[in-house]
N, C-alpha and C. Protein backbone atom coordinates (compact mmCIF):
# COMPACT_ATOMS: atom_id res chain seq x y z
N MET A 1 23.65 10.34 15.04
CA MET A 1 23.19 11.59 15.55
C MET A 1 24.03 12.00 16.68
N SER A 2 24.61 13.26 16.68
CA SER A 2 25.36 13.72 17.74
C SER A 2 24.52 14.21 18.88
N ARG A 3 25.19 14.38 20.00
CA ARG A 3 24.51 14.86 21.21
C ARG A 3 23.90 16.21 21.08
N GLU A 4 24.60 17.04 20.35
CA GLU A 4 24.13 18.43 20.11
C GLU A 4 22.90 18.37 19.28
N ASP A 5 22.77 17.53 18.24
CA ASP A 5 21.58 17.33 17.49
C ASP A 5 20.38 17.02 18.42
N VAL A 6 20.66 16.09 19.18
CA VAL A 6 19.57 15.65 20.13
C VAL A 6 19.01 16.76 20.93
N PHE A 7 20.05 17.50 21.50
CA PHE A 7 19.58 18.72 22.38
C PHE A 7 18.88 19.70 21.52
N ASN A 8 19.40 19.99 20.26
CA ASN A 8 18.66 20.95 19.33
C ASN A 8 17.26 20.47 19.06
N GLN A 9 17.10 19.14 18.72
CA GLN A 9 15.70 18.71 18.58
C GLN A 9 14.82 18.75 19.78
N ALA A 10 15.30 18.53 20.81
CA ALA A 10 14.63 18.56 22.15
C ALA A 10 14.16 20.09 22.35
N ASP A 11 15.07 21.00 22.12
CA ASP A 11 14.69 22.43 22.29
C ASP A 11 13.81 22.89 21.37
N ALA A 12 13.78 22.36 19.99
CA ALA A 12 12.87 22.74 19.05
C ALA A 12 11.37 22.29 19.44
N LEU A 13 11.45 20.99 20.08
CA LEU A 13 10.23 20.48 20.52
C LEU A 13 9.51 21.25 21.68
N MET A 14 10.38 21.61 22.57
CA MET A 14 10.06 22.34 23.67
C MET A 14 9.51 23.78 23.27
N ARG A 15 10.17 24.40 22.21
CA ARG A 15 9.76 25.67 21.90
C ARG A 15 8.43 25.72 21.18
N ARG A 16 8.09 24.64 20.59
CA ARG A 16 6.70 24.55 19.93
C ARG A 16 5.63 24.51 21.00
N HIS A 17 6.00 23.87 22.15
CA HIS A 17 4.89 23.74 23.14
C HIS A 17 5.00 24.71 24.34
N ARG A 18 6.00 25.54 24.36
CA ARG A 18 6.28 26.50 25.47
C ARG A 18 6.57 27.81 24.82
N SER A 19 6.19 28.79 25.61
CA SER A 19 6.50 30.12 25.00
C SER A 19 7.87 30.58 25.37
N PHE A 20 8.57 29.94 26.29
CA PHE A 20 10.04 30.39 26.71
C PHE A 20 10.86 29.29 26.92
N VAL A 21 12.09 29.24 26.35
CA VAL A 21 13.11 28.27 26.62
C VAL A 21 14.33 28.99 26.76
N ALA A 22 15.03 28.82 27.81
CA ALA A 22 16.19 29.74 28.19
C ALA A 22 17.48 28.99 27.40
N ARG A 23 18.05 29.80 26.40
CA ARG A 23 19.19 29.44 25.67
C ARG A 23 19.85 30.68 25.35
N ALA A 24 21.15 30.48 24.94
CA ALA A 24 21.83 31.69 24.47
C ALA A 24 21.29 32.24 23.12
N PRO A 25 21.37 33.53 23.04
CA PRO A 25 20.73 34.19 21.79
C PRO A 25 21.26 33.58 20.54
N GLN A 26 22.62 33.32 20.32
CA GLN A 26 23.23 32.76 19.11
C GLN A 26 22.61 31.44 18.78
N ASP A 27 22.38 30.60 19.74
CA ASP A 27 21.77 29.28 19.53
C ASP A 27 20.34 29.43 19.08
N LEU A 28 19.56 30.39 19.53
CA LEU A 28 18.21 30.64 19.25
C LEU A 28 18.13 30.96 17.72
N ALA A 29 19.00 31.86 17.28
CA ALA A 29 18.94 32.37 15.88
C ALA A 29 19.25 31.11 14.89
N ALA A 30 20.08 30.29 15.23
CA ALA A 30 20.46 29.00 14.46
C ALA A 30 19.25 28.11 14.47
N ASN A 31 18.65 27.82 15.49
CA ASN A 31 17.56 26.96 15.68
C ASN A 31 16.24 27.41 15.07
N ASP A 32 16.03 28.75 14.98
CA ASP A 32 14.80 29.31 14.60
C ASP A 32 14.67 28.94 13.06
N ALA A 33 15.71 29.00 12.34
CA ALA A 33 15.66 28.58 10.88
C ALA A 33 15.18 27.16 10.64
N GLU A 34 15.72 26.34 11.64
CA GLU A 34 15.36 24.89 11.47
C GLU A 34 13.93 24.64 11.86
N ASN A 35 13.46 25.46 12.87
CA ASN A 35 12.07 25.26 13.30
C ASN A 35 11.12 25.75 12.30
N ARG A 36 11.37 26.87 11.61
CA ARG A 36 10.53 27.31 10.49
C ARG A 36 10.35 26.18 9.47
N ALA A 37 11.43 25.67 9.18
CA ALA A 37 11.42 24.63 8.03
C ALA A 37 10.69 23.36 8.42
N ALA A 38 10.69 23.13 9.77
CA ALA A 38 9.98 21.82 10.32
C ALA A 38 8.49 21.96 10.16
N PRO A 39 7.82 20.95 9.54
CA PRO A 39 6.34 20.99 9.45
C PRO A 39 5.76 20.60 10.85
N ASP A 40 4.51 21.15 11.11
CA ASP A 40 3.89 20.83 12.40
C ASP A 40 3.01 19.65 12.24
N ALA A 41 3.64 18.43 12.03
CA ALA A 41 3.00 17.30 11.73
C ALA A 41 2.34 16.70 13.02
N GLU A 42 2.82 17.08 14.28
CA GLU A 42 2.08 16.78 15.44
C GLU A 42 0.85 17.36 15.75
N ILE A 43 0.57 18.64 15.17
CA ILE A 43 -0.59 19.38 15.42
C ILE A 43 -1.64 18.87 14.64
N PRO A 44 -2.85 18.39 15.17
CA PRO A 44 -3.94 17.94 14.30
C PRO A 44 -4.66 19.07 13.73
N LEU A 45 -5.04 18.81 12.40
CA LEU A 45 -5.82 19.84 11.67
C LEU A 45 -7.29 19.48 11.76
N LEU A 46 -8.07 20.41 12.30
CA LEU A 46 -9.53 20.16 12.50
C LEU A 46 -10.22 20.68 11.19
N THR A 47 -11.02 19.74 10.62
CA THR A 47 -11.66 20.20 9.36
C THR A 47 -13.20 19.87 9.47
N GLU A 48 -13.58 19.23 10.53
CA GLU A 48 -15.05 18.99 10.71
C GLU A 48 -15.77 20.19 11.27
N VAL A 49 -16.85 20.36 10.75
CA VAL A 49 -17.77 21.58 11.21
C VAL A 49 -18.73 20.94 12.15
N VAL A 50 -18.84 21.43 13.32
CA VAL A 50 -19.80 20.82 14.47
C VAL A 50 -20.76 21.97 14.71
N GLU A 51 -22.04 21.59 14.48
CA GLU A 51 -23.19 22.52 14.82
C GLU A 51 -23.25 22.80 16.27
N THR A 52 -23.54 24.00 16.60
CA THR A 52 -23.68 24.33 18.06
C THR A 52 -24.82 23.64 18.73
N ALA A 53 -25.92 23.34 18.01
CA ALA A 53 -27.01 22.60 18.54
C ALA A 53 -26.65 21.31 18.99
N ASP A 54 -25.68 20.61 18.42
CA ASP A 54 -25.09 19.46 18.81
C ASP A 54 -24.46 19.40 20.07
N LEU A 55 -24.02 20.64 20.51
CA LEU A 55 -23.20 20.80 21.72
C LEU A 55 -23.98 21.10 23.00
N THR A 56 -25.33 21.33 22.81
CA THR A 56 -26.09 21.71 24.01
C THR A 56 -26.17 20.41 24.92
N PRO A 57 -25.95 20.56 26.19
CA PRO A 57 -26.03 19.41 27.10
C PRO A 57 -27.42 18.89 27.27
N ALA A 58 -27.58 17.63 27.55
CA ALA A 58 -28.87 17.04 27.67
C ALA A 58 -29.51 17.57 29.03
N SER A 59 -30.82 17.69 29.20
CA SER A 59 -31.43 18.16 30.41
C SER A 59 -31.38 17.03 31.44
N ILE A 60 -31.56 17.41 32.63
CA ILE A 60 -31.47 16.48 33.69
C ILE A 60 -32.59 15.44 33.55
N ASP A 61 -33.76 15.88 33.10
CA ASP A 61 -34.83 14.92 32.93
C ASP A 61 -34.38 13.77 31.90
N ASP A 62 -33.87 14.19 30.75
CA ASP A 62 -33.33 13.17 29.71
C ASP A 62 -32.41 12.23 30.27
N ILE A 63 -31.46 12.72 31.22
CA ILE A 63 -30.44 11.79 31.78
C ILE A 63 -31.14 10.88 32.74
N LEU A 64 -32.10 11.46 33.52
CA LEU A 64 -32.78 10.57 34.51
C LEU A 64 -33.57 9.52 33.89
N ILE A 65 -34.19 9.84 32.64
CA ILE A 65 -34.94 8.79 32.08
C ILE A 65 -34.10 7.67 31.46
N ALA A 66 -32.96 8.11 31.10
CA ALA A 66 -31.93 7.18 30.49
C ALA A 66 -31.49 6.17 31.59
N VAL A 67 -31.38 6.68 32.75
CA VAL A 67 -30.87 5.83 33.91
C VAL A 67 -31.75 5.38 34.94
N GLN A 68 -33.04 5.63 34.65
CA GLN A 68 -34.14 5.36 35.55
C GLN A 68 -34.16 3.81 36.00
N GLU A 69 -34.09 2.94 35.04
CA GLU A 69 -34.21 1.57 35.29
C GLU A 69 -32.88 1.13 36.15
N ASP A 70 -31.83 1.63 35.84
CA ASP A 70 -30.55 1.19 36.61
C ASP A 70 -30.71 1.77 38.04
N ILE A 71 -31.25 2.88 38.15
CA ILE A 71 -31.51 3.46 39.55
C ILE A 71 -32.44 2.64 40.31
N GLN A 72 -33.53 2.21 39.67
CA GLN A 72 -34.62 1.43 40.28
C GLN A 72 -34.02 0.16 40.78
N ASN A 73 -33.28 -0.49 39.89
CA ASN A 73 -32.70 -1.80 40.22
C ASN A 73 -31.71 -1.79 41.39
N GLU A 74 -30.79 -0.65 41.38
CA GLU A 74 -29.88 -0.49 42.44
C GLU A 74 -30.53 -0.34 43.72
N LEU A 75 -31.64 0.52 43.76
CA LEU A 75 -32.29 0.89 44.93
C LEU A 75 -33.04 -0.41 45.53
N SER A 76 -33.64 -1.27 44.69
CA SER A 76 -34.25 -2.28 44.95
C SER A 76 -33.31 -3.37 45.70
N SER A 77 -32.10 -3.54 45.01
CA SER A 77 -31.04 -4.52 45.49
C SER A 77 -30.66 -3.96 46.95
N TRP A 78 -30.45 -2.60 47.05
CA TRP A 78 -29.91 -1.97 48.31
C TRP A 78 -31.00 -2.35 49.44
N LEU A 79 -32.23 -2.08 49.05
CA LEU A 79 -33.33 -2.26 50.08
C LEU A 79 -33.41 -3.66 50.50
N VAL A 80 -33.32 -4.64 49.61
CA VAL A 80 -33.30 -6.01 49.89
C VAL A 80 -32.24 -6.35 50.86
N GLU A 81 -30.99 -5.76 50.67
CA GLU A 81 -29.90 -6.04 51.43
C GLU A 81 -29.88 -5.34 52.80
N MET A 82 -30.42 -4.08 52.92
CA MET A 82 -30.22 -3.31 54.13
C MET A 82 -31.60 -3.37 54.99
N LEU A 83 -32.65 -3.43 54.37
CA LEU A 83 -33.96 -3.32 55.14
C LEU A 83 -34.15 -4.25 56.23
N PRO A 84 -33.99 -5.64 56.08
CA PRO A 84 -34.17 -6.46 57.26
C PRO A 84 -33.34 -6.12 58.42
N ALA A 85 -32.11 -5.77 58.31
CA ALA A 85 -31.22 -5.41 59.46
C ALA A 85 -31.80 -3.98 60.05
N ALA A 86 -32.17 -3.11 59.16
CA ALA A 86 -32.73 -1.88 59.71
C ALA A 86 -33.99 -2.03 60.49
N VAL A 87 -34.86 -2.88 60.00
CA VAL A 87 -36.12 -3.15 60.61
C VAL A 87 -35.91 -3.79 61.95
N ALA A 88 -34.96 -4.74 62.06
CA ALA A 88 -34.70 -5.38 63.28
C ALA A 88 -34.12 -4.49 64.33
N SER A 89 -33.16 -3.71 63.89
CA SER A 89 -32.55 -2.71 64.71
C SER A 89 -33.68 -1.74 65.24
N ALA A 90 -34.47 -1.24 64.26
CA ALA A 90 -35.48 -0.27 64.68
C ALA A 90 -36.49 -0.92 65.69
N SER A 91 -36.86 -2.14 65.33
CA SER A 91 -37.84 -2.92 66.33
C SER A 91 -37.20 -2.96 67.64
N GLN A 92 -36.08 -3.35 67.77
CA GLN A 92 -35.44 -3.52 69.13
C GLN A 92 -35.31 -2.19 69.78
N HIS A 93 -35.02 -1.14 69.03
CA HIS A 93 -35.01 0.18 69.69
C HIS A 93 -36.38 0.63 70.15
N ILE A 94 -37.32 0.42 69.37
CA ILE A 94 -38.78 0.70 69.68
C ILE A 94 -39.09 -0.02 71.00
N LEU A 95 -38.83 -1.30 71.03
CA LEU A 95 -39.23 -2.05 72.11
C LEU A 95 -38.48 -1.52 73.40
N THR A 96 -37.24 -1.22 73.27
CA THR A 96 -36.39 -0.76 74.43
C THR A 96 -36.99 0.55 74.88
N GLU A 97 -37.24 1.52 73.95
CA GLU A 97 -37.91 2.80 74.32
C GLU A 97 -39.20 2.60 75.06
N LEU A 98 -40.19 1.76 74.50
CA LEU A 98 -41.45 1.53 75.00
C LEU A 98 -41.28 0.94 76.45
N ASP A 99 -40.33 0.15 76.67
CA ASP A 99 -40.03 -0.51 78.09
C ASP A 99 -39.64 0.61 78.92
N ILE A 100 -38.75 1.46 78.59
CA ILE A 100 -38.32 2.47 79.46
C ILE A 100 -39.51 3.56 79.80
N ARG A 101 -40.26 3.91 78.77
CA ARG A 101 -41.26 4.88 78.92
C ARG A 101 -42.43 4.12 79.89
N ALA A 102 -42.64 2.82 79.69
CA ALA A 102 -43.61 2.20 80.46
C ALA A 102 -43.36 2.17 81.88
N ARG A 103 -42.02 1.97 82.11
CA ARG A 103 -41.55 1.84 83.60
C ARG A 103 -41.65 3.24 84.18
N ASN A 104 -41.22 4.24 83.38
CA ASN A 104 -41.17 5.61 83.98
C ASN A 104 -42.49 6.38 84.10
N THR A 105 -43.50 6.05 83.08
CA THR A 105 -44.75 6.78 83.15
C THR A 105 -45.94 6.01 83.29
N LEU A 106 -46.08 4.70 82.63
CA LEU A 106 -47.26 3.97 82.81
C LEU A 106 -47.27 3.21 84.17
N LEU A 107 -46.25 2.63 84.56
CA LEU A 107 -46.19 1.94 85.79
C LEU A 107 -46.53 2.82 87.08
N PRO A 108 -45.97 4.09 87.20
CA PRO A 108 -46.43 4.84 88.26
C PRO A 108 -47.90 5.21 88.27
N ARG A 109 -48.57 5.44 87.07
CA ARG A 109 -49.83 5.75 86.94
C ARG A 109 -50.79 4.54 87.29
N LEU A 110 -50.37 3.38 86.90
CA LEU A 110 -51.11 2.26 87.29
C LEU A 110 -51.05 1.90 88.69
N LEU A 111 -49.92 2.09 89.39
CA LEU A 111 -49.83 1.97 90.84
C LEU A 111 -50.60 2.96 91.56
N ALA A 112 -50.65 4.12 91.00
CA ALA A 112 -51.36 5.20 91.63
C ALA A 112 -52.86 4.89 91.54
N ALA A 113 -53.36 4.31 90.43
CA ALA A 113 -54.77 3.92 90.15
C ALA A 113 -55.17 2.77 91.17
N LEU A 114 -54.32 1.87 91.35
CA LEU A 114 -54.45 0.82 92.13
C LEU A 114 -54.59 1.21 93.72
N ASP A 115 -53.60 2.16 94.05
CA ASP A 115 -53.66 2.65 95.51
C ASP A 115 -54.88 3.38 95.67
N ALA A 116 -55.30 4.10 94.65
CA ALA A 116 -56.56 4.93 94.85
C ALA A 116 -57.76 4.04 95.01
N ARG A 117 -57.84 2.89 94.28
CA ARG A 117 -58.90 1.99 94.33
C ARG A 117 -58.99 1.31 95.71
N ARG A 118 -57.57 0.96 96.14
CA ARG A 118 -57.60 0.21 97.40
C ARG A 118 -57.98 1.13 98.59
N ASP A 119 -57.64 2.43 98.50
CA ASP A 119 -57.95 3.32 99.49
C ASP A 119 -59.43 3.82 99.45
N GLY A 120 -60.03 3.67 98.30
CA GLY A 120 -61.44 3.97 98.22
C GLY A 120 -62.44 2.83 98.61
N ALA A 121 -61.79 1.66 98.60
CA ALA A 121 -62.69 0.54 99.03
C ALA A 121 -62.87 0.28 100.36
């Protein structure tokens, strides 16, 4: 096969899949006859009739029902993995916050109540 044959076949293939290929007009006339004779073996022929009812997408409820067990299992695994650390962190945060508030609000109130009792006695 010559180099020119390879280029002609490549141009014919590109012309089948593209609307424009830049070539000289005399080359196009010669290759058009070859292209008309070549069968479109690469293009699939669709023969199956598909009902439009089969094409309707499933509702979100149907999808959720189908994956509900997977979602529950993943959520349970994630909670088992993350919850202990989250509770420990939250507990520490709560204790720190209570300590700060007790020092800032409760302690002065208790001291004021003790001073009032001592002054009243």
